[in-house]
């Protein structure tokens, strides 16, 4: 080999040795994270920590907050059993009058309440003056009443009258001239008409319905007890 070729070979080998002479730790060192990536990661970690702290504070506040008291349940509507007349005849604790007994309504606007006081809610409003009602209980100045349809509640005694009336409970009910189904018929009365009682025997009542007078069997009337005698 010539001197020039040998020199070129030495130069090439020297360059190759220089290119592969990097330290081993330099080749294995991870690349540095760019500043933008590092900042984003730090922001995410901070936000996650803040969210956890806020959630924990909410749990603690909920545990320390006093419980909201539950509203008392609304009393149920009085049913037919609650309004029914006593199983056995008795006397009222306030008036010493028989229970049950019949009365009539004085006004055409009477509030019917769920209990015996003004603080109880109004369930019904009776709008037919002179309609018959049955008293089933007494409490102070209040009377528990029921109408022909079985609806009722508590009304103030001042809205009630001792004047006796009935509702005709049979359509085209005949009014007889006497308490006898073979007697002449004075008039025919429609169902639902309110009539004033003039007299009653155990089985019949003489009534006045809009000026028409006559006798009707009690089975055709509501507002008078079987066997009840009125003069």
C-alpha atoms as a PDB file:
ATOM      1  CA  UNK A   1       0.000   0.000   0.000  1.00  0.00           C
ATOM      2  CA  UNK A   2       1.304   3.440  -0.788  1.00  0.00           C
ATOM      3  CA  UNK A   3       1.898   6.057   1.850  1.00  0.00           C
ATOM      4  CA  UNK A   4      -1.065   8.091   0.600  1.00  0.00           C
ATOM      5  CA  UNK A   5      -3.451   5.131   0.776  1.00  0.00           C
ATOM      6  CA  UNK A   6      -2.345   4.260   4.260  1.00  0.00           C
ATOM      7  CA  UNK A   7      -2.982   7.775   5.439  1.00  0.00           C
ATOM      8  CA  UNK A   8      -6.483   7.736   3.976  1.00  0.00           C
ATOM      9  CA  UNK A   9      -7.237   4.419   5.686  1.00  0.00           C
ATOM     10  CA  UNK A  10      -6.031   5.773   9.029  1.00  0.00           C
ATOM     11  CA  UNK A  11      -8.215   8.860   8.592  1.00  0.00           C
ATOM     12  CA  UNK A  12     -11.316   6.780   7.819  1.00  0.00           C
ATOM     13  CA  UNK A  13     -10.747   4.514  10.837  1.00  0.00           C
ATOM     14  CA  UNK A  14     -10.245   7.553  13.043  1.00  0.00           C
ATOM     15  CA  UNK A  15     -13.559   9.075  11.942  1.00  0.00           C
ATOM     16  CA  UNK A  16     -15.424   5.813  12.577  1.00  0.00           C
ATOM     17  CA  UNK A  17     -13.915   5.515  16.056  1.00  0.00           C
ATOM     18  CA  UNK A  18     -14.952   9.101  16.844  1.00  0.00           C
ATOM     19  CA  UNK A  19     -18.553   8.498  15.756  1.00  0.00           C
ATOM     20  CA  UNK A  20     -19.022   5.465  18.032  1.00  0.00           C
ATOM     21  CA  UNK A  21     -17.217   6.808  21.075  1.00  0.00           C
ATOM     22  CA  UNK A  22     -20.320   8.349  22.823  1.00  0.00           C
ATOM     23  CA  UNK A  23     -20.629   7.390  26.511  1.00  0.00           C
ATOM     24  CA  UNK A  24     -23.163   4.637  27.295  1.00  0.00           C
ATOM     25  CA  UNK A  25     -25.143   6.779  29.790  1.00  0.00           C
ATOM     26  CA  UNK A  26     -25.656   9.427  27.146  1.00  0.00           C
ATOM     27  CA  UNK A  27     -27.372   6.976  24.829  1.00  0.00           C
ATOM     28  CA  UNK A  28     -29.761   5.695  27.593  1.00  0.00           C
ATOM     29  CA  UNK A  29     -30.704   9.069  29.161  1.00  0.00           C
ATOM     30  CA  UNK A  30     -34.489   9.900  28.495  1.00  0.00           C
ATOM     31  CA  UNK A  31     -35.237  12.994  26.534  1.00  0.00           C
ATOM     32  CA  UNK A  32     -36.124  16.041  28.555  1.00  0.00           C
ATOM     33  CA  UNK A  33     -39.967  16.802  28.572  1.00  0.00           C
ATOM     34  CA  UNK A  34     -40.799  19.991  26.713  1.00  0.00           C
ATOM     35  CA  UNK A  35     -41.836  22.904  28.952  1.00  0.00           C
ATOM     36  CA  UNK A  36     -45.382  23.020  27.459  1.00  0.00           C
ATOM     37  CA  UNK A  37     -46.050  19.344  28.259  1.00  0.00           C
ATOM     38  CA  UNK A  38     -44.768  19.714  31.808  1.00  0.00           C
ATOM     39  CA  UNK A  39     -46.955  22.767  32.447  1.00  0.00           C
ATOM     40  CA  UNK A  40     -50.094  20.970  31.153  1.00  0.00           C
ATOM     41  CA  UNK A  41     -49.465  17.961  33.365  1.00  0.00           C
ATOM     42  CA  UNK A  42     -48.974  20.165  36.424  1.00  0.00           C
ATOM     43  CA  UNK A  43     -52.241  22.022  35.681  1.00  0.00           C
ATOM     44  CA  UNK A  44     -54.175  18.744  35.366  1.00  0.00           C
ATOM     45  CA  UNK A  45     -52.796  17.482  38.676  1.00  0.00           C
ATOM     46  CA  UNK A  46     -53.759  20.730  40.404  1.00  0.00           C
ATOM     47  CA  UNK A  47     -57.318  20.642  38.978  1.00  0.00           C
ATOM     48  CA  UNK A  48     -57.783  17.024  40.079  1.00  0.00           C
ATOM     49  CA  UNK A  49     -56.635  17.849  43.609  1.00  0.00           C
ATOM     50  CA  UNK A  50     -59.008  20.859  43.769  1.00  0.00           C
ATOM     51  CA  UNK A  51     -61.957  18.700  42.604  1.00  0.00           C
ATOM     52  CA  UNK A  52     -61.235  16.074  45.250  1.00  0.00           C
ATOM     53  CA  UNK A  53     -61.021  18.736  47.957  1.00  0.00           C
ATOM     54  CA  UNK A  54     -64.325  20.310  46.833  1.00  0.00           C
ATOM     55  CA  UNK A  55     -66.099  16.930  46.821  1.00  0.00           C
ATOM     56  CA  UNK A  56     -64.799  16.149  50.312  1.00  0.00           C
ATOM     57  CA  UNK A  57     -65.977  19.544  51.577  1.00  0.00           C
ATOM     58  CA  UNK A  58     -69.453  18.855  50.156  1.00  0.00           C
ATOM     59  CA  UNK A  59     -69.647  15.513  51.938  1.00  0.00           C
ATOM     60  CA  UNK A  60     -68.590  17.079  55.248  1.00  0.00           C
ATOM     61  CA  UNK A  61     -71.088  19.943  54.865  1.00  0.00           C
ATOM     62  CA  UNK A  62     -73.885  17.479  54.101  1.00  0.00           C
ATOM     63  CA  UNK A  63     -73.052  15.444  57.169  1.00  0.00           C
ATOM     64  CA  UNK A  64     -73.086  18.521  59.407  1.00  0.00           C
ATOM     65  CA  UNK A  65     -76.275  20.076  57.958  1.00  0.00           C
ATOM     66  CA  UNK A  66     -79.309  19.506  60.268  1.00  0.00           C
ATOM     67  CA  UNK A  67     -81.877  17.134  58.853  1.00  0.00           C
ATOM     68  CA  UNK A  68     -84.978  18.767  57.335  1.00  0.00           C
ATOM     69  CA  UNK A  69     -88.011  17.775  59.419  1.00  0.00           C
ATOM     70  CA  UNK A  70     -90.676  15.876  57.501  1.00  0.00           C
ATOM     71  CA  UNK A  71     -94.086  17.527  57.206  1.00  0.00           C
ATOM     72  CA  UNK A  72     -96.816  15.628  59.036  1.00  0.00           C
ATOM     73  CA  UNK A  73     -99.000  13.626  56.650  1.00  0.00           C
ATOM     74  CA  UNK A  74    -102.328  15.120  55.658  1.00  0.00           C
ATOM     75  CA  UNK A  75    -105.167  13.395  57.511  1.00  0.00           C
ATOM     76  CA  UNK A  76    -107.192  11.086  55.338  1.00  0.00           C
ATOM     77  CA  UNK A  77    -110.652  12.028  54.197  1.00  0.00           C
ATOM     78  CA  UNK A  78    -113.248  10.759  56.631  1.00  0.00           C
ATOM     79  CA  UNK A  79    -114.780   7.622  55.213  1.00  0.00           C
ATOM     80  CA  UNK A  80    -118.291   6.264  55.620  1.00  0.00           C
ATOM     81  CA  UNK A  81    -117.276   4.198  58.649  1.00  0.00           C
ATOM     82  CA  UNK A  82    -115.937   7.266  60.472  1.00  0.00           C
ATOM     83  CA  UNK A  83    -119.124   9.219  59.783  1.00  0.00           C
ATOM     84  CA  UNK A  84    -121.555   6.402  60.484  1.00  0.00           C
ATOM     85  CA  UNK A  85    -124.062   6.629  63.275  1.00  0.00           C
ATOM     86  CA  UNK A  86    -123.236   4.841  66.538  1.00  0.00           C
ATOM     87  CA  UNK A  87    -124.050   1.146  66.493  1.00  0.00           C
ATOM     88  CA  UNK A  88    -126.295   1.659  69.496  1.00  0.00           C
ATOM     89  CA  UNK A  89    -128.403   4.692  70.351  1.00  0.00           C
ATOM     90  CA  UNK A  90    -126.766   6.930  72.913  1.00  0.00           C
ATOM     91  CA  UNK A  91    -126.893  10.545  74.081  1.00  0.00           C
ATOM     92  CA  UNK A  92    -124.653  13.427  73.117  1.00  0.00           C
ATOM     93  CA  UNK A  93    -122.082  14.480  75.743  1.00  0.00           C
ATOM     94  CA  UNK A  94    -122.760  18.180  75.098  1.00  0.00           C
ATOM     95  CA  UNK A  95    -126.563  18.325  74.729  1.00  0.00           C
ATOM     96  CA  UNK A  96    -127.732  15.091  76.332  1.00  0.00           C
ATOM     97  CA  UNK A  97    -129.914  14.641  73.237  1.00  0.00           C
ATOM     98  CA  UNK A  98    -130.192  11.315  71.397  1.00  0.00           C
ATOM     99  CA  UNK A  99    -127.476  10.203  68.969  1.00  0.00           C
ATOM    100  CA  UNK A 100    -127.963   9.781  66.140  1.00  0.00           C
ATOM    101  CA  UNK A 101    -130.657  12.391  65.493  1.00  0.00           C
ATOM    102  CA  UNK A 102    -131.843  14.476  62.569  1.00  0.00           C
ATOM    103  CA  UNK A 103    -131.685  18.255  62.156  1.00  0.00           C
ATOM    104  CA  UNK A 104    -131.791  20.661  59.205  1.00  0.00           C
ATOM    105  CA  UNK A 105    -129.350  23.163  57.750  1.00  0.00           C
ATOM    106  CA  UNK A 106    -130.031  26.843  58.396  1.00  0.00           C
ATOM    107  CA  UNK A 107    -127.988  28.322  55.580  1.00  0.00           C
ATOM    108  CA  UNK A 108    -127.079  27.763  51.941  1.00  0.00           C
ATOM    109  CA  UNK A 109    -123.340  28.174  52.611  1.00  0.00           C
ATOM    110  CA  UNK A 110    -122.060  25.922  55.392  1.00  0.00           C
ATOM    111  CA  UNK A 111    -118.430  24.821  55.658  1.00  0.00           C
ATOM    112  CA  UNK A 112    -117.941  21.179  56.579  1.00  0.00           C
ATOM    113  CA  UNK A 113    -114.574  20.623  58.261  1.00  0.00           C
ATOM    114  CA  UNK A 114    -112.372  17.614  58.841  1.00  0.00           C
ATOM    115  CA  UNK A 115    -112.305  18.167  62.592  1.00  0.00           C
ATOM    116  CA  UNK A 116    -114.151  20.111  65.296  1.00  0.00           C
ATOM    117  CA  UNK A 117    -112.326  23.458  65.062  1.00  0.00           C
ATOM    118  CA  UNK A 118    -111.696  26.342  62.678  1.00  0.00           C
ATOM    119  CA  UNK A 119    -108.090  25.182  62.258  1.00  0.00           C
ATOM    120  CA  UNK A 120    -109.204  22.025  60.441  1.00  0.00           C
ATOM    121  CA  UNK A 121    -109.423  22.106  56.659  1.00  0.00           C
ATOM    122  CA  UNK A 122    -112.739  22.411  54.832  1.00  0.00           C
ATOM    123  CA  UNK A 123    -113.710  19.233  52.987  1.00  0.00           C
ATOM    124  CA  UNK A 124    -117.171  20.174  51.776  1.00  0.00           C
ATOM    125  CA  UNK A 125    -119.577  23.092  51.508  1.00  0.00           C
ATOM    126  CA  UNK A 126    -123.287  22.416  51.939  1.00  0.00           C
ATOM    127  CA  UNK A 127    -125.265  24.743  49.676  1.00  0.00           C
ATOM    128  CA  UNK A 128    -128.907  23.658  50.172  1.00  0.00           C
ATOM    129  CA  UNK A 129    -130.666  25.453  52.975  1.00  0.00           C
ATOM    130  CA  UNK A 130    -133.163  23.355  54.965  1.00  0.00           C
ATOM    131  CA  UNK A 131    -131.632  20.064  53.837  1.00  0.00           C
ATOM    132  CA  UNK A 132    -131.888  17.323  56.482  1.00  0.00           C
ATOM    133  CA  UNK A 133    -128.713  16.119  58.183  1.00  0.00           C
ATOM    134  CA  UNK A 134    -128.003  13.380  60.692  1.00  0.00           C
ATOM    135  CA  UNK A 135    -125.876  14.221  63.736  1.00  0.00           C
ATOM    136  CA  UNK A 136    -123.593  11.337  64.716  1.00  0.00           C
ATOM    137  CA  UNK A 137    -121.277  12.986  67.266  1.00  0.00           C
ATOM    138  CA  UNK A 138    -120.789  16.090  69.404  1.00  0.00           C
ATOM    139  CA  UNK A 139    -117.675  17.932  70.560  1.00  0.00           C
ATOM    140  CA  UNK A 140    -117.983  21.324  72.233  1.00  0.00           C
ATOM    141  CA  UNK A 141    -119.868  23.620  69.868  1.00  0.00           C
ATOM    142  CA  UNK A 142    -119.315  21.287  66.908  1.00  0.00           C
ATOM    143  CA  UNK A 143    -121.492  18.550  65.489  1.00  0.00           C
ATOM    144  CA  UNK A 144    -120.443  15.753  63.165  1.00  0.00           C
ATOM    145  CA  UNK A 145    -123.114  15.400  60.487  1.00  0.00           C
ATOM    146  CA  UNK A 146    -123.862  13.225  57.475  1.00  0.00           C
ATOM    147  CA  UNK A 147    -126.090  14.031  54.503  1.00  0.00           C
ATOM    148  CA  UNK A 148    -128.260  11.746  52.397  1.00  0.00           C
ATOM    149  CA  UNK A 149    -125.284  10.856  50.159  1.00  0.00           C
ATOM    150  CA  UNK A 150    -123.129   9.783  53.100  1.00  0.00           C
ATOM    151  CA  UNK A 151    -120.880  12.865  52.886  1.00  0.00           C
ATOM    152  CA  UNK A 152    -120.187  14.974  55.906  1.00  0.00           C
ATOM    153  CA  UNK A 153    -117.861  16.184  58.610  1.00  0.00           C
ATOM    154  CA  UNK A 154    -117.930  18.746  61.414  1.00  0.00           C
ATOM    155  CA  UNK A 155    -120.056  21.898  61.346  1.00  0.00           C
ATOM    156  CA  UNK A 156    -120.657  24.559  63.981  1.00  0.00           C
ATOM    157  CA  UNK A 157    -123.883  24.059  65.862  1.00  0.00           C
ATOM    158  CA  UNK A 158    -125.053  27.582  64.950  1.00  0.00           C
ATOM    159  CA  UNK A 159    -125.516  26.425  61.338  1.00  0.00           C
ATOM    160  CA  UNK A 160    -128.032  23.766  62.339  1.00  0.00           C
ATOM    161  CA  UNK A 161    -131.736  24.006  63.153  1.00  0.00           C
ATOM    162  CA  UNK A 162    -134.139  21.826  65.060  1.00  0.00           C
ATOM    163  CA  UNK A 163    -136.815  22.393  62.394  1.00  0.00           C
ATOM    164  CA  UNK A 164    -137.349  19.004  60.810  1.00  0.00           C
ATOM    165  CA  UNK A 165    -137.260  18.400  57.091  1.00  0.00           C
ATOM    166  CA  UNK A 166    -136.913  15.398  54.791  1.00  0.00           C
ATOM    167  CA  UNK A 167    -135.695  14.704  51.263  1.00  0.00           C
ATOM    168  CA  UNK A 168    -138.033  12.786  49.021  1.00  0.00           C
ATOM    169  CA  UNK A 169    -136.082   9.632  48.229  1.00  0.00           C
ATOM    170  CA  UNK A 170    -138.353   8.144  45.590  1.00  0.00           C
ATOM    171  CA  UNK A 171    -139.167   9.634  42.198  1.00  0.00           C
ATOM    172  CA  UNK A 172    -142.785  10.721  41.708  1.00  0.00           C
ATOM    173  CA  UNK A 173    -143.638   9.769  45.266  1.00  0.00           C
ATOM    174  CA  UNK A 174    -147.406  10.100  45.912  1.00  0.00           C
ATOM    175  CA  UNK A 175    -148.745  12.311  48.693  1.00  0.00           C
ATOM    176  CA  UNK A 176    -151.875  10.666  50.045  1.00  0.00           C
ATOM    177  CA  UNK A 177    -154.804  12.433  51.625  1.00  0.00           C
ATOM    178  CA  UNK A 178    -154.510  10.051  54.570  1.00  0.00           C
ATOM    179  CA  UNK A 179    -151.882   7.678  55.932  1.00  0.00           C
ATOM    180  CA  UNK A 180    -153.214   4.942  53.709  1.00  0.00           C
ATOM    181  CA  UNK A 181    -152.014   3.778  50.291  1.00  0.00           C
ATOM    182  CA  UNK A 182    -155.652   3.342  49.245  1.00  0.00           C
ATOM    183  CA  UNK A 183    -156.424   7.005  49.991  1.00  0.00           C
ATOM    184  CA  UNK A 184    -156.708   9.617  47.211  1.00  0.00           C
ATOM    185  CA  UNK A 185    -153.412  11.077  45.938  1.00  0.00           C
ATOM    186  CA  UNK A 186    -152.999  14.823  46.450  1.00  0.00           C
ATOM    187  CA  UNK A 187    -149.772  15.220  44.450  1.00  0.00           C
ATOM    188  CA  UNK A 188    -146.720  13.446  43.040  1.00  0.00           C
ATOM    189  CA  UNK A 189    -143.313  14.677  44.285  1.00  0.00           C
ATOM    190  CA  UNK A 190    -140.016  14.303  42.436  1.00  0.00           C
ATOM    191  CA  UNK A 191    -137.000  12.712  44.065  1.00  0.00           C
ATOM    192  CA  UNK A 192    -134.639  15.173  45.760  1.00  0.00           C
ATOM    193  CA  UNK A 193    -137.322  17.667  46.803  1.00  0.00           C
ATOM    194  CA  UNK A 194    -136.920  19.035  50.342  1.00  0.00           C
ATOM    195  CA  UNK A 195    -140.155  19.008  52.335  1.00  0.00           C
ATOM    196  CA  UNK A 196    -141.034  20.225  55.807  1.00  0.00           C
ATOM    197  CA  UNK A 197    -142.337  17.684  58.295  1.00  0.00           C
ATOM    198  CA  UNK A 198    -145.693  18.522  59.841  1.00  0.00           C
ATOM    199  CA  UNK A 199    -146.402  15.274  61.650  1.00  0.00           C
ATOM    200  CA  UNK A 200    -145.087  11.711  61.825  1.00  0.00           C
ATOM    201  CA  UNK A 201    -146.470   8.401  63.035  1.00  0.00           C
ATOM    202  CA  UNK A 202    -144.247   5.322  63.374  1.00  0.00           C
ATOM    203  CA  UNK A 203    -144.633   4.535  59.631  1.00  0.00           C
ATOM    204  CA  UNK A 204    -145.934   7.713  57.925  1.00  0.00           C
ATOM    205  CA  UNK A 205    -145.183  11.425  57.788  1.00  0.00           C
ATOM    206  CA  UNK A 206    -147.373  14.302  56.719  1.00  0.00           C
ATOM    207  CA  UNK A 207    -145.183  16.730  54.809  1.00  0.00           C
ATOM    208  CA  UNK A 208    -145.421  20.072  53.046  1.00  0.00           C
ATOM    209  CA  UNK A 209    -143.519  20.271  49.757  1.00  0.00           C
ATOM    210  CA  UNK A 210    -143.849  23.662  48.122  1.00  0.00           C
ATOM    211  CA  UNK A 211    -147.414  24.070  49.343  1.00  0.00           C
ATOM    212  CA  UNK A 212    -148.463  20.503  48.484  1.00  0.00           C
ATOM    213  CA  UNK A 213    -149.489  18.636  51.602  1.00  0.00           C
ATOM    214  CA  UNK A 214    -150.088  14.982  52.166  1.00  0.00           C
ATOM    215  CA  UNK A 215    -148.965  11.752  53.761  1.00  0.00           C
ATOM    216  CA  UNK A 216    -145.988   9.739  52.594  1.00  0.00           C
ATOM    217  CA  UNK A 217    -144.616   6.429  53.889  1.00  0.00           C
ATOM    218  CA  UNK A 218    -141.283   6.855  55.642  1.00  0.00           C
ATOM    219  CA  UNK A 219    -139.713   4.405  53.192  1.00  0.00           C
ATOM    220  CA  UNK A 220    -139.955   7.171  50.551  1.00  0.00           C
ATOM    221  CA  UNK A 221    -138.237   9.791  52.729  1.00  0.00           C
ATOM    222  CA  UNK A 222    -134.771  10.490  54.139  1.00  0.00           C
ATOM    223  CA  UNK A 223    -134.404  12.539  57.308  1.00  0.00           C
ATOM    224  CA  UNK A 224    -136.627  10.763  59.784  1.00  0.00           C
ATOM    225  CA  UNK A 225    -135.936   7.617  61.776  1.00  0.00           C
ATOM    226  CA  UNK A 226    -138.112   4.496  61.551  1.00  0.00           C
ATOM    227  CA  UNK A 227    -140.565   4.451  64.413  1.00  0.00           C
ATOM    228  CA  UNK A 228    -139.915   8.145  65.220  1.00  0.00           C
ATOM    229  CA  UNK A 229    -143.081  10.027  66.201  1.00  0.00           C
ATOM    230  CA  UNK A 230    -143.328  13.798  65.679  1.00  0.00           C
ATOM    231  CA  UNK A 231    -146.311  16.021  66.507  1.00  0.00           C
END
